[in-house]
Amino acid sequence: MPDFVLCVQMDAANAGVMGYYLIPVVDFTQGHIILRGEHPDDRGQYRHQTLASIFGLGASESGEARR
C-alpha cells in the first residue's frame, strides 16, 4: 500500500479539474476512496488548488510568491 496517493477531482463532464488531493493511507477495497480513521467527506485538509502547491512550486494558494 502506498504512503500517499495523488487524486484528481474532475467536474461532472470530466472536462476540467476541480482540485487535487494528496491523501495519506487510503483504503481501495470499498470501490471508492475511504480515508482510514476519518470521515470520508472530511478531505479539505488534503485539498490543493494546483499541482504546484502540492510540490511547493511557484505561488502559494493565497497568491503569494514562495521564497
N, C-alpha and C. Protein backbone atom coordinates (compact mmCIF):
# COMPACT_ATOMS: atom_id res chain seq x y z
N MET A 1 0.84 -1.18 0.00
CA MET A 1 0.00 0.00 0.00
C MET A 1 0.89 1.25 0.00
N PRO A 2 0.58 2.23 -0.85
CA PRO A 2 1.42 3.43 -0.91
C PRO A 2 1.27 4.30 0.34
N ASP A 3 2.28 5.14 0.59
CA ASP A 3 2.23 6.07 1.72
C ASP A 3 1.29 7.24 1.44
N PHE A 4 1.28 7.71 0.19
CA PHE A 4 0.43 8.82 -0.23
C PHE A 4 -0.13 8.51 -1.60
N VAL A 5 -1.30 9.05 -1.87
CA VAL A 5 -1.93 8.90 -3.18
C VAL A 5 -2.32 10.30 -3.65
N LEU A 6 -2.02 10.61 -4.90
CA LEU A 6 -2.41 11.87 -5.50
C LEU A 6 -3.69 11.62 -6.29
N CYS A 7 -4.79 12.27 -5.88
CA CYS A 7 -6.08 12.11 -6.54
C CYS A 7 -6.47 13.41 -7.21
N VAL A 8 -7.15 13.29 -8.34
CA VAL A 8 -7.62 14.45 -9.08
C VAL A 8 -9.14 14.41 -9.11
N GLN A 9 -9.79 15.48 -8.62
CA GLN A 9 -11.25 15.56 -8.66
C GLN A 9 -11.65 16.29 -9.94
N MET A 10 -12.41 15.62 -10.78
CA MET A 10 -12.86 16.19 -12.05
C MET A 10 -14.30 16.67 -11.93
N ASP A 11 -14.69 17.58 -12.84
CA ASP A 11 -16.08 18.02 -12.86
C ASP A 11 -16.95 16.90 -13.43
N ALA A 12 -18.26 17.10 -13.45
CA ALA A 12 -19.20 16.05 -13.85
C ALA A 12 -18.97 15.56 -15.28
N ALA A 13 -18.49 16.44 -16.15
CA ALA A 13 -18.25 16.07 -17.55
C ALA A 13 -16.85 15.51 -17.78
N ASN A 14 -16.06 15.42 -16.72
CA ASN A 14 -14.65 15.01 -16.82
C ASN A 14 -13.86 15.90 -17.80
N ALA A 15 -14.25 17.17 -17.84
CA ALA A 15 -13.60 18.10 -18.76
C ALA A 15 -12.64 19.06 -18.04
N GLY A 16 -12.81 19.22 -16.74
CA GLY A 16 -11.97 20.16 -16.01
C GLY A 16 -11.65 19.67 -14.62
N VAL A 17 -10.50 20.09 -14.13
CA VAL A 17 -10.05 19.71 -12.79
C VAL A 17 -10.68 20.63 -11.76
N MET A 18 -11.26 20.05 -10.72
CA MET A 18 -11.85 20.82 -9.63
C MET A 18 -10.90 20.94 -8.44
N GLY A 19 -9.95 20.04 -8.34
CA GLY A 19 -9.00 20.09 -7.24
C GLY A 19 -8.12 18.86 -7.21
N TYR A 20 -7.05 18.97 -6.45
CA TYR A 20 -6.10 17.87 -6.28
C TYR A 20 -6.05 17.53 -4.80
N TYR A 21 -5.89 16.26 -4.49
CA TYR A 21 -5.83 15.80 -3.11
C TYR A 21 -4.59 14.93 -2.93
N LEU A 22 -3.79 15.25 -1.95
CA LEU A 22 -2.64 14.43 -1.57
C LEU A 22 -3.08 13.71 -0.29
N ILE A 23 -3.44 12.44 -0.43
CA ILE A 23 -4.11 11.71 0.64
C ILE A 23 -3.20 10.63 1.20
N PRO A 24 -2.98 10.65 2.52
CA PRO A 24 -2.21 9.59 3.17
C PRO A 24 -3.09 8.39 3.51
N VAL A 25 -2.57 7.23 3.43
CA VAL A 25 -3.17 5.98 3.87
C VAL A 25 -4.64 5.86 3.43
N VAL A 26 -4.87 5.26 2.29
CA VAL A 26 -6.21 5.10 1.77
C VAL A 26 -6.61 3.63 1.71
N ASP A 27 -7.90 3.40 1.66
CA ASP A 27 -8.45 2.05 1.57
C ASP A 27 -9.17 1.93 0.23
N PHE A 28 -8.64 1.12 -0.69
CA PHE A 28 -9.22 0.95 -2.01
C PHE A 28 -10.18 -0.24 -2.07
N THR A 29 -10.44 -0.91 -0.98
CA THR A 29 -11.24 -2.13 -1.01
C THR A 29 -12.73 -1.88 -1.13
N GLN A 30 -13.19 -0.65 -0.94
CA GLN A 30 -14.62 -0.35 -0.97
C GLN A 30 -15.13 0.10 -2.34
N GLY A 31 -14.29 0.12 -3.37
CA GLY A 31 -14.73 0.57 -4.68
C GLY A 31 -14.61 2.07 -4.87
N HIS A 32 -14.29 2.78 -3.80
CA HIS A 32 -14.02 4.21 -3.85
C HIS A 32 -13.07 4.53 -2.70
N ILE A 33 -12.52 5.72 -2.71
CA ILE A 33 -11.50 6.06 -1.72
C ILE A 33 -12.13 6.38 -0.37
N ILE A 34 -11.67 5.71 0.65
CA ILE A 34 -12.08 5.99 2.04
C ILE A 34 -10.81 6.33 2.82
N LEU A 35 -10.83 7.45 3.51
CA LEU A 35 -9.71 7.79 4.37
C LEU A 35 -9.82 6.96 5.63
N ARG A 36 -8.82 6.21 5.94
CA ARG A 36 -8.86 5.36 7.12
C ARG A 36 -8.88 6.21 8.39
N GLY A 37 -9.82 5.88 9.27
CA GLY A 37 -9.89 6.55 10.56
C GLY A 37 -10.45 7.94 10.51
N GLU A 38 -10.98 8.35 9.35
CA GLU A 38 -11.54 9.69 9.22
C GLU A 38 -12.86 9.62 8.47
N HIS A 39 -13.69 10.63 8.66
CA HIS A 39 -14.93 10.72 7.92
C HIS A 39 -14.61 10.92 6.45
N PRO A 40 -15.24 10.16 5.54
CA PRO A 40 -14.86 10.24 4.12
C PRO A 40 -15.10 11.60 3.47
N ASP A 41 -15.95 12.46 4.05
CA ASP A 41 -16.20 13.78 3.46
C ASP A 41 -15.28 14.86 4.02
N ASP A 42 -14.41 14.51 4.96
CA ASP A 42 -13.51 15.48 5.58
C ASP A 42 -12.17 15.48 4.84
N ARG A 43 -12.19 15.95 3.58
CA ARG A 43 -10.99 15.92 2.75
C ARG A 43 -10.34 17.29 2.59
N GLY A 44 -10.93 18.33 3.16
CA GLY A 44 -10.42 19.68 2.97
C GLY A 44 -8.96 19.87 3.33
N GLN A 45 -8.51 19.18 4.37
CA GLN A 45 -7.13 19.34 4.79
C GLN A 45 -6.14 18.78 3.78
N TYR A 46 -6.62 17.93 2.86
CA TYR A 46 -5.74 17.33 1.86
C TYR A 46 -5.86 18.01 0.51
N ARG A 47 -6.76 18.99 0.36
CA ARG A 47 -7.06 19.59 -0.93
C ARG A 47 -6.03 20.66 -1.31
N HIS A 48 -5.67 20.66 -2.58
CA HIS A 48 -4.77 21.66 -3.15
C HIS A 48 -5.40 22.15 -4.44
N GLN A 49 -5.32 23.45 -4.68
CA GLN A 49 -5.90 24.04 -5.88
C GLN A 49 -5.08 23.70 -7.13
N THR A 50 -3.77 23.61 -6.97
CA THR A 50 -2.89 23.33 -8.12
C THR A 50 -1.87 22.27 -7.76
N LEU A 51 -1.31 21.63 -8.78
CA LEU A 51 -0.23 20.68 -8.54
C LEU A 51 1.00 21.39 -7.99
N ALA A 52 1.23 22.63 -8.43
CA ALA A 52 2.37 23.40 -7.95
C ALA A 52 2.34 23.58 -6.44
N SER A 53 1.14 23.76 -5.89
CA SER A 53 1.04 23.96 -4.44
C SER A 53 1.39 22.68 -3.67
N ILE A 54 1.14 21.52 -4.27
CA ILE A 54 1.49 20.26 -3.63
C ILE A 54 3.01 20.12 -3.53
N PHE A 55 3.67 20.48 -4.60
CA PHE A 55 5.12 20.30 -4.67
C PHE A 55 5.90 21.54 -4.24
N GLY A 56 5.20 22.60 -3.79
CA GLY A 56 5.86 23.79 -3.28
C GLY A 56 6.52 24.63 -4.36
N LEU A 57 5.93 24.64 -5.54
CA LEU A 57 6.49 25.40 -6.66
C LEU A 57 5.69 26.67 -6.89
N GLY A 58 6.34 27.73 -7.30
CA GLY A 58 5.65 28.96 -7.69
C GLY A 58 4.92 29.63 -6.54
N ALA A 59 3.77 30.21 -6.86
CA ALA A 59 2.99 30.96 -5.88
C ALA A 59 2.22 30.00 -4.97
N SER A 60 1.97 30.45 -3.76
CA SER A 60 1.16 29.67 -2.83
C SER A 60 -0.30 29.79 -3.23
N GLU A 61 -1.18 29.04 -2.57
CA GLU A 61 -2.60 29.11 -2.89
C GLU A 61 -3.18 30.49 -2.56
N SER A 62 -2.54 31.24 -1.68
CA SER A 62 -3.02 32.58 -1.35
C SER A 62 -2.56 33.60 -2.39
N GLY A 63 -1.74 33.15 -3.35
CA GLY A 63 -1.29 34.04 -4.41
C GLY A 63 0.07 34.66 -4.14
N GLU A 64 0.63 34.44 -2.95
CA GLU A 64 1.94 35.00 -2.64
C GLU A 64 3.04 34.13 -3.23
N ALA A 65 4.08 34.77 -3.71
CA ALA A 65 5.23 34.02 -4.23
C ALA A 65 5.97 33.36 -3.07
N ARG A 66 6.38 32.14 -3.27
CA ARG A 66 7.14 31.43 -2.23
C ARG A 66 8.60 31.83 -2.31
N ARG A 67 9.27 31.83 -1.16
CA ARG A 67 10.69 32.19 -1.11
C ARG A 67 11.52 30.98 -0.89
